[in-house]
Amino acid sequence: MPEIQLGVSAFIPEEYVQDVHQRLVLYKRVSLAANDEDLNQIKCELQDCYGKLPSSVDNLLQIISIRNFLKPLKVKRWAMTVNICNIFFRDTSPVDPAKIIAFYQQEN
């Protein structure tokens, strides 16, 4: 599973879902979401049951979406700060880092 570090809050606040058991069930569902369709369904259900999503919940869903995108690329870790993006690939990744660097150098 890719490690993602974005420096944003990504959680389900107690004030949003007060029942601790329900929060744990939601975390499990979110972590098992395989694609954006699954995440959108969870998002709709959350809005239906609990109202407008807090930014920390929206961040959580977006991070899981990013994780799902990075998983088949065999990314080990993705960290992003204001001006820097670091991507670490596993040895088995189908991505050629040299091509990414060449593409970036062409664009800049």
C-alpha atoms as a PDB file:
ATOM      1  CA  MET A   1       0.000   0.000   0.000  1.00  0.00           C
ATOM      2  CA  PRO A   2       1.463   3.409  -0.910  1.00  0.00           C
ATOM      3  CA  GLU A   3       2.341   5.733   1.950  1.00  0.00           C
ATOM      4  CA  ILE A   4       0.923   9.192   1.226  1.00  0.00           C
ATOM      5  CA  GLN A   5       2.114  12.325   3.008  1.00  0.00           C
ATOM      6  CA  LEU A   6       0.344  15.520   2.044  1.00  0.00           C
ATOM      7  CA  GLY A   7       0.343  17.489   5.275  1.00  0.00           C
ATOM      8  CA  VAL A   8      -3.465  17.717   5.465  1.00  0.00           C
ATOM      9  CA  SER A   9      -5.937  16.460   8.049  1.00  0.00           C
ATOM     10  CA  ALA A  10      -7.672  13.316   6.813  1.00  0.00           C
ATOM     11  CA  PHE A  11     -10.039  11.711   9.320  1.00  0.00           C
ATOM     12  CA  ILE A  12     -13.674  11.361  10.359  1.00  0.00           C
ATOM     13  CA  PRO A  13     -14.283  13.773  13.255  1.00  0.00           C
ATOM     14  CA  GLU A  14     -16.144  12.588  16.327  1.00  0.00           C
ATOM     15  CA  GLU A  15     -18.465  15.586  15.952  1.00  0.00           C
ATOM     16  CA  TYR A  16     -19.455  14.403  12.465  1.00  0.00           C
ATOM     17  CA  VAL A  17     -20.022  10.695  13.273  1.00  0.00           C
ATOM     18  CA  GLN A  18     -20.499  10.461  17.022  1.00  0.00           C
ATOM     19  CA  ASP A  19     -20.859   6.700  17.315  1.00  0.00           C
ATOM     20  CA  VAL A  20     -17.361   5.216  17.622  1.00  0.00           C
ATOM     21  CA  HIS A  21     -18.442   1.840  16.202  1.00  0.00           C
ATOM     22  CA  GLN A  22     -19.987   3.508  13.158  1.00  0.00           C
ATOM     23  CA  ARG A  23     -16.805   5.554  12.622  1.00  0.00           C
ATOM     24  CA  LEU A  24     -14.724   2.363  12.680  1.00  0.00           C
ATOM     25  CA  VAL A  25     -17.084   0.729  10.172  1.00  0.00           C
ATOM     26  CA  LEU A  26     -16.756   3.791   7.930  1.00  0.00           C
ATOM     27  CA  TYR A  27     -12.959   3.755   8.140  1.00  0.00           C
ATOM     28  CA  LYS A  28     -12.991   0.114   7.092  1.00  0.00           C
ATOM     29  CA  ARG A  29     -15.345   0.809   4.172  1.00  0.00           C
ATOM     30  CA  VAL A  30     -13.234   3.751   3.032  1.00  0.00           C
ATOM     31  CA  SER A  31     -10.005   1.759   3.258  1.00  0.00           C
ATOM     32  CA  LEU A  32     -11.562  -1.084   1.217  1.00  0.00           C
ATOM     33  CA  ALA A  33     -12.954   1.227  -1.492  1.00  0.00           C
ATOM     34  CA  ALA A  34     -11.395  -0.046  -4.707  1.00  0.00           C
ATOM     35  CA  ASN A  35     -12.243   2.862  -7.003  1.00  0.00           C
ATOM     36  CA  ASP A  36     -13.749   6.344  -7.261  1.00  0.00           C
ATOM     37  CA  GLU A  37     -17.231   4.912  -7.791  1.00  0.00           C
ATOM     38  CA  ASP A  38     -17.042   3.195  -4.385  1.00  0.00           C
ATOM     39  CA  LEU A  39     -15.751   6.396  -2.803  1.00  0.00           C
ATOM     40  CA  ASN A  40     -18.526   8.481  -4.382  1.00  0.00           C
ATOM     41  CA  GLN A  41     -21.110   6.058  -3.025  1.00  0.00           C
ATOM     42  CA  ILE A  42     -19.639   6.377   0.473  1.00  0.00           C
ATOM     43  CA  LYS A  43     -19.536  10.163   0.097  1.00  0.00           C
ATOM     44  CA  CYS A  44     -23.222  10.284  -0.890  1.00  0.00           C
ATOM     45  CA  GLU A  45     -24.185   8.038   2.025  1.00  0.00           C
ATOM     46  CA  LEU A  46     -22.224  10.200   4.461  1.00  0.00           C
ATOM     47  CA  GLN A  47     -23.864  13.370   3.178  1.00  0.00           C
ATOM     48  CA  ASP A  48     -27.286  11.693   3.375  1.00  0.00           C
ATOM     49  CA  CYS A  49     -26.816  10.500   6.953  1.00  0.00           C
ATOM     50  CA  TYR A  50     -24.622  13.191   8.506  1.00  0.00           C
ATOM     51  CA  GLY A  51     -24.821  16.276   6.296  1.00  0.00           C
ATOM     52  CA  LYS A  52     -22.128  18.284   4.556  1.00  0.00           C
ATOM     53  CA  LEU A  53     -18.687  16.655   4.652  1.00  0.00           C
ATOM     54  CA  PRO A  54     -16.085  18.320   6.840  1.00  0.00           C
ATOM     55  CA  SER A  55     -12.870  19.083   4.959  1.00  0.00           C
ATOM     56  CA  SER A  56     -11.015  16.341   6.877  1.00  0.00           C
ATOM     57  CA  VAL A  57     -13.457  13.705   5.556  1.00  0.00           C
ATOM     58  CA  ASP A  58     -13.248  15.076   2.017  1.00  0.00           C
ATOM     59  CA  ASN A  59      -9.445  14.955   2.319  1.00  0.00           C
ATOM     60  CA  LEU A  60      -9.631  11.337   3.506  1.00  0.00           C
ATOM     61  CA  LEU A  61     -11.716  10.311   0.486  1.00  0.00           C
ATOM     62  CA  GLN A  62      -9.400  12.146  -1.913  1.00  0.00           C
ATOM     63  CA  ILE A  63      -6.309  10.532  -0.371  1.00  0.00           C
ATOM     64  CA  ILE A  64      -7.852   7.076  -0.784  1.00  0.00           C
ATOM     65  CA  SER A  65      -8.576   7.962  -4.419  1.00  0.00           C
ATOM     66  CA  ILE A  66      -4.919   8.940  -4.867  1.00  0.00           C
ATOM     67  CA  ARG A  67      -3.853   5.708  -3.151  1.00  0.00           C
ATOM     68  CA  ASN A  68      -5.982   3.700  -5.570  1.00  0.00           C
ATOM     69  CA  PHE A  69      -4.350   5.487  -8.506  1.00  0.00           C
ATOM     70  CA  LEU A  70      -0.812   4.913  -7.181  1.00  0.00           C
ATOM     71  CA  LYS A  71      -1.277   1.265  -6.209  1.00  0.00           C
ATOM     72  CA  PRO A  72      -0.999  -0.309  -9.692  1.00  0.00           C
ATOM     73  CA  LEU A  73       2.032   1.892 -10.378  1.00  0.00           C
ATOM     74  CA  LYS A  74       3.681   0.249  -7.365  1.00  0.00           C
ATOM     75  CA  VAL A  75       4.472   3.543  -5.681  1.00  0.00           C
ATOM     76  CA  LYS A  76       6.032   3.005  -2.288  1.00  0.00           C
ATOM     77  CA  ARG A  77       5.672   6.567  -0.999  1.00  0.00           C
ATOM     78  CA  TRP A  78       4.343   9.881  -2.271  1.00  0.00           C
ATOM     79  CA  ALA A  79       5.119  13.002  -0.277  1.00  0.00           C
ATOM     80  CA  MET A  80       4.197  16.516  -1.221  1.00  0.00           C
ATOM     81  CA  THR A  81       4.996  19.876   0.303  1.00  0.00           C
ATOM     82  CA  VAL A  82       4.368  23.359  -1.028  1.00  0.00           C
ATOM     83  CA  ASN A  83       7.100  23.242  -3.690  1.00  0.00           C
ATOM     84  CA  ILE A  84       8.316  19.644  -3.718  1.00  0.00           C
ATOM     85  CA  CYS A  85       6.794  16.350  -4.793  1.00  0.00           C
ATOM     86  CA  ASN A  86       8.680  13.139  -3.991  1.00  0.00           C
ATOM     87  CA  ILE A  87       7.625   9.816  -5.495  1.00  0.00           C
ATOM     88  CA  PHE A  88       9.357   6.606  -4.492  1.00  0.00           C
ATOM     89  CA  PHE A  89       8.679   3.552  -6.653  1.00  0.00           C
ATOM     90  CA  ARG A  90       9.111  -0.081  -5.723  1.00  0.00           C
ATOM     91  CA  ASP A  91      11.671  -2.066  -7.737  1.00  0.00           C
ATOM     92  CA  THR A  92       8.793  -3.912  -9.392  1.00  0.00           C
ATOM     93  CA  SER A  93       7.078  -0.745 -10.631  1.00  0.00           C
ATOM     94  CA  PRO A  94       6.134  -0.634 -14.332  1.00  0.00           C
ATOM     95  CA  VAL A  95       7.017   3.078 -14.335  1.00  0.00           C
ATOM     96  CA  ASP A  96      10.397   4.152 -15.678  1.00  0.00           C
ATOM     97  CA  PRO A  97      11.556   7.081 -13.482  1.00  0.00           C
ATOM     98  CA  ALA A  98      13.969   8.187 -16.229  1.00  0.00           C
ATOM     99  CA  LYS A  99      10.990   8.845 -18.529  1.00  0.00           C
ATOM    100  CA  ILE A 100       9.298  10.947 -15.844  1.00  0.00           C
ATOM    101  CA  ILE A 101      12.439  13.020 -15.392  1.00  0.00           C
ATOM    102  CA  ALA A 102      12.839  13.455 -19.154  1.00  0.00           C
ATOM    103  CA  PHE A 103       9.186  14.532 -19.470  1.00  0.00           C
ATOM    104  CA  TYR A 104       9.559  17.017 -16.621  1.00  0.00           C
ATOM    105  CA  GLN A 105      12.704  18.494 -18.148  1.00  0.00           C
ATOM    106  CA  GLN A 106      10.916  18.945 -21.498  1.00  0.00           C
ATOM    107  CA  GLU A 107       8.040  20.789 -19.836  1.00  0.00           C
ATOM    108  CA  ASN A 108      10.284  23.136 -17.846  1.00  0.00           C
END
